[in-house]
C-alpha atoms as a PDB file:
ATOM      1  CA  MET A   1      37.414 -30.997 -63.149  1.00  0.00           C
ATOM      2  CA  THR A   2      39.370 -28.450 -61.179  1.00  0.00           C
ATOM      3  CA  THR A   3      38.008 -24.955 -61.025  1.00  0.00           C
ATOM      4  CA  TYR A   4      39.932 -21.711 -61.038  1.00  0.00           C
ATOM      5  CA  SER A   5      38.789 -21.074 -57.481  1.00  0.00           C
ATOM      6  CA  SER A   6      40.174 -24.352 -56.126  1.00  0.00           C
ATOM      7  CA  ILE A   7      43.490 -23.875 -57.955  1.00  0.00           C
ATOM      8  CA  THR A   8      43.787 -20.354 -56.567  1.00  0.00           C
ATOM      9  CA  THR A   9      43.004 -21.601 -53.066  1.00  0.00           C
ATOM     10  CA  TYR A  10      45.560 -24.411 -53.377  1.00  0.00           C
ATOM     11  CA  MET A  11      48.260 -22.028 -54.615  1.00  0.00           C
ATOM     12  CA  TYR A  12      47.447 -19.550 -51.863  1.00  0.00           C
ATOM     13  CA  TYR A  13      47.825 -22.132 -49.088  1.00  0.00           C
ATOM     14  CA  LYS A  14      50.906 -23.659 -50.666  1.00  0.00           C
ATOM     15  CA  HIS A  15      52.498 -20.193 -50.952  1.00  0.00           C
ATOM     16  CA  ALA A  16      51.408 -19.257 -47.407  1.00  0.00           C
ATOM     17  CA  LYS A  17      52.993 -22.438 -46.063  1.00  0.00           C
ATOM     18  CA  VAL A  18      56.283 -21.653 -47.828  1.00  0.00           C
ATOM     19  CA  ILE A  19      56.247 -18.098 -46.485  1.00  0.00           C
ATOM     20  CA  ASN A  20      55.398 -19.367 -43.024  1.00  0.00           C
ATOM     21  CA  MET A  21      58.362 -21.751 -43.083  1.00  0.00           C
ATOM     22  CA  ASP A  22      60.668 -18.969 -44.273  1.00  0.00           C
ATOM     23  CA  VAL A  23      59.503 -16.744 -41.406  1.00  0.00           C
ATOM     24  CA  LYS A  24      60.078 -19.504 -38.862  1.00  0.00           C
ATOM     25  CA  GLU A  25      63.552 -20.207 -40.209  1.00  0.00           C
ATOM     26  CA  THR A  26      64.375 -16.509 -40.335  1.00  0.00           C
ATOM     27  CA  LEU A  27      63.229 -15.900 -36.758  1.00  0.00           C
ATOM     28  CA  THR A  28      65.147 -18.925 -35.536  1.00  0.00           C
ATOM     29  CA  GLY A  29      68.269 -17.587 -37.218  1.00  0.00           C
ATOM     30  CA  VAL A  30      67.770 -14.078 -35.864  1.00  0.00           C
ATOM     31  CA  LEU A  31      67.232 -15.284 -32.314  1.00  0.00           C
ATOM     32  CA  GLN A  32      70.627 -16.954 -32.421  1.00  0.00           C
ATOM     33  CA  THR A  33      72.481 -13.736 -33.253  1.00  0.00           C
ATOM     34  CA  ASN A  34      73.664 -10.626 -31.484  1.00  0.00           C
ATOM     35  CA  ALA A  35      70.769  -8.818 -33.118  1.00  0.00           C
ATOM     36  CA  ALA A  36      68.376 -10.672 -30.819  1.00  0.00           C
ATOM     37  CA  VAL A  37      70.321  -9.466 -27.795  1.00  0.00           C
ATOM     38  CA  GLU A  38      70.171  -5.911 -29.095  1.00  0.00           C
ATOM     39  CA  ILE A  39      66.422  -6.206 -29.690  1.00  0.00           C
ATOM     40  CA  MET A  40      65.879  -7.469 -26.155  1.00  0.00           C
ATOM     41  CA  ASN A  41      68.007  -4.635 -24.771  1.00  0.00           C
ATOM     42  CA  GLU A  42      65.825  -2.135 -26.640  1.00  0.00           C
ATOM     43  CA  ILE A  43      62.670  -3.744 -25.265  1.00  0.00           C
ATOM     44  CA  VAL A  44      64.037  -3.637 -21.722  1.00  0.00           C
ATOM     45  CA  LEU A  45      65.194  -0.048 -22.191  1.00  0.00           C
ATOM     46  CA  HIS A  46      61.763   1.017 -23.422  1.00  0.00           C
ATOM     47  CA  ALA A  47      60.043  -0.714 -20.480  1.00  0.00           C
ATOM     48  CA  LEU A  48      62.406   0.993 -18.017  1.00  0.00           C
ATOM     49  CA  GLN A  49      61.825   4.395 -19.600  1.00  0.00           C
ATOM     50  CA  SER A  50      58.072   3.859 -19.471  1.00  0.00           C
ATOM     51  CA  SER A  51      58.275   2.948 -15.777  1.00  0.00           C
ATOM     52  CA  ARG A  52      60.385   6.020 -15.073  1.00  0.00           C
ATOM     53  CA  ASP A  53      57.930   8.254 -16.938  1.00  0.00           C
ATOM     54  CA  THR A  54      55.066   6.833 -14.873  1.00  0.00           C
ATOM     55  CA  CYS A  55      56.968   7.535 -11.649  1.00  0.00           C
ATOM     56  CA  VAL A  56      57.709  11.083 -12.790  1.00  0.00           C
ATOM     57  CA  GLU A  57      54.016  11.669 -13.522  1.00  0.00           C
ATOM     58  CA  MET A  58      53.029  10.328 -10.102  1.00  0.00           C
ATOM     59  CA  ARG A  59      55.642  12.512  -8.416  1.00  0.00           C
ATOM     60  CA  GLU A  60      54.303  15.558 -10.263  1.00  0.00           C
ATOM     61  CA  LEU A  61      50.745  14.721  -9.147  1.00  0.00           C
ATOM     62  CA  LEU A  62      51.926  14.502  -5.550  1.00  0.00           C
ATOM     63  CA  GLU A  63      53.765  17.798  -5.859  1.00  0.00           C
ATOM     64  CA  ALA A  64      50.534  19.394  -7.070  1.00  0.00           C
ATOM     65  CA  LYS A  65      48.730  18.106  -3.944  1.00  0.00           C
ATOM     66  CA  ARG A  66      50.829  20.040  -1.459  1.00  0.00           C
ATOM     67  CA  ASP A  67      48.866  22.286   0.839  1.00  0.00           C
ATOM     68  CA  ARG A  68      49.335  26.026   1.080  1.00  0.00           C
ATOM     69  CA  LYS A  69      52.326  25.607   3.376  1.00  0.00           C
ATOM     70  CA  GLY A  70      53.997  23.323   0.865  1.00  0.00           C
ATOM     71  CA  GLN A  71      53.560  20.197   2.952  1.00  0.00           C
ATOM     72  CA  TRP A  72      51.944  16.796   2.520  1.00  0.00           C
ATOM     73  CA  SER A  73      50.346  14.322   4.840  1.00  0.00           C
ATOM     74  CA  GLY A  74      52.673  11.650   6.212  1.00  0.00           C
ATOM     75  CA  PRO A  75      51.815   8.952   3.655  1.00  0.00           C
ATOM     76  CA  GLU A  76      52.091  11.397   0.748  1.00  0.00           C
ATOM     77  CA  ALA A  77      55.552  12.497   1.927  1.00  0.00           C
ATOM     78  CA  GLU A  78      56.647   8.849   2.108  1.00  0.00           C
ATOM     79  CA  ASP A  79      55.261   8.186  -1.363  1.00  0.00           C
ATOM     80  CA  TRP A  80      57.084  11.219  -2.753  1.00  0.00           C
ATOM     81  CA  ALA A  81      60.408  10.133  -1.195  1.00  0.00           C
ATOM     82  CA  SER A  82      59.930   6.610  -2.543  1.00  0.00           C
ATOM     83  CA  LEU A  83      59.157   7.910  -6.035  1.00  0.00           C
ATOM     84  CA  VAL A  84      62.256  10.121  -6.024  1.00  0.00           C
ATOM     85  CA  GLN A  85      64.397   7.096  -5.104  1.00  0.00           C
ATOM     86  CA  ASP A  86      62.693   4.920  -7.729  1.00  0.00           C
ATOM     87  CA  ILE A  87      63.279   7.557 -10.422  1.00  0.00           C
ATOM     88  CA  ALA A  88      66.962   7.809  -9.483  1.00  0.00           C
ATOM     89  CA  ALA A  89      67.343   4.013  -9.556  1.00  0.00           C
ATOM     90  CA  LEU A  90      65.576   3.730 -12.908  1.00  0.00           C
ATOM     91  CA  ASN A  91      67.795   6.479 -14.337  1.00  0.00           C
ATOM     92  CA  ARG A  92      70.908   4.529 -13.273  1.00  0.00           C
ATOM     93  CA  VAL A  93      69.674   1.327 -14.908  1.00  0.00           C
ATOM     94  CA  ILE A  94      68.623   3.196 -18.045  1.00  0.00           C
ATOM     95  CA  ASP A  95      72.070   4.779 -18.251  1.00  0.00           C
ATOM     96  CA  TYR A  96      73.609   1.302 -17.904  1.00  0.00           C
ATOM     97  CA  TYR A  97      71.570   0.083 -20.896  1.00  0.00           C
ATOM     98  CA  GLY A  98      72.634   3.098 -22.885  1.00  0.00           C
ATOM     99  CA  GLY A  99      69.439   5.139 -22.791  1.00  0.00           C
END
């Protein structure tokens, strides 16, 4: 004799398997379209913007560390110059991706 519980469990797994197959087929179809390229561009754009924001924050921290004469130590000045160049480069790439 089959109980209500076992029927419900069977139907649940059968339905879950059908949904799972639909998701796999849908994702396979999506990944073969221009939409997938657009999604990847958005992911890359977001990662670039996040990197730029981190560089901006680090630059601002360095600017806050200047001494009373408005100068840094040698390594801090090099770090600041490098961050400024990195921010400019990231801005160019972000502009290329349409950000």
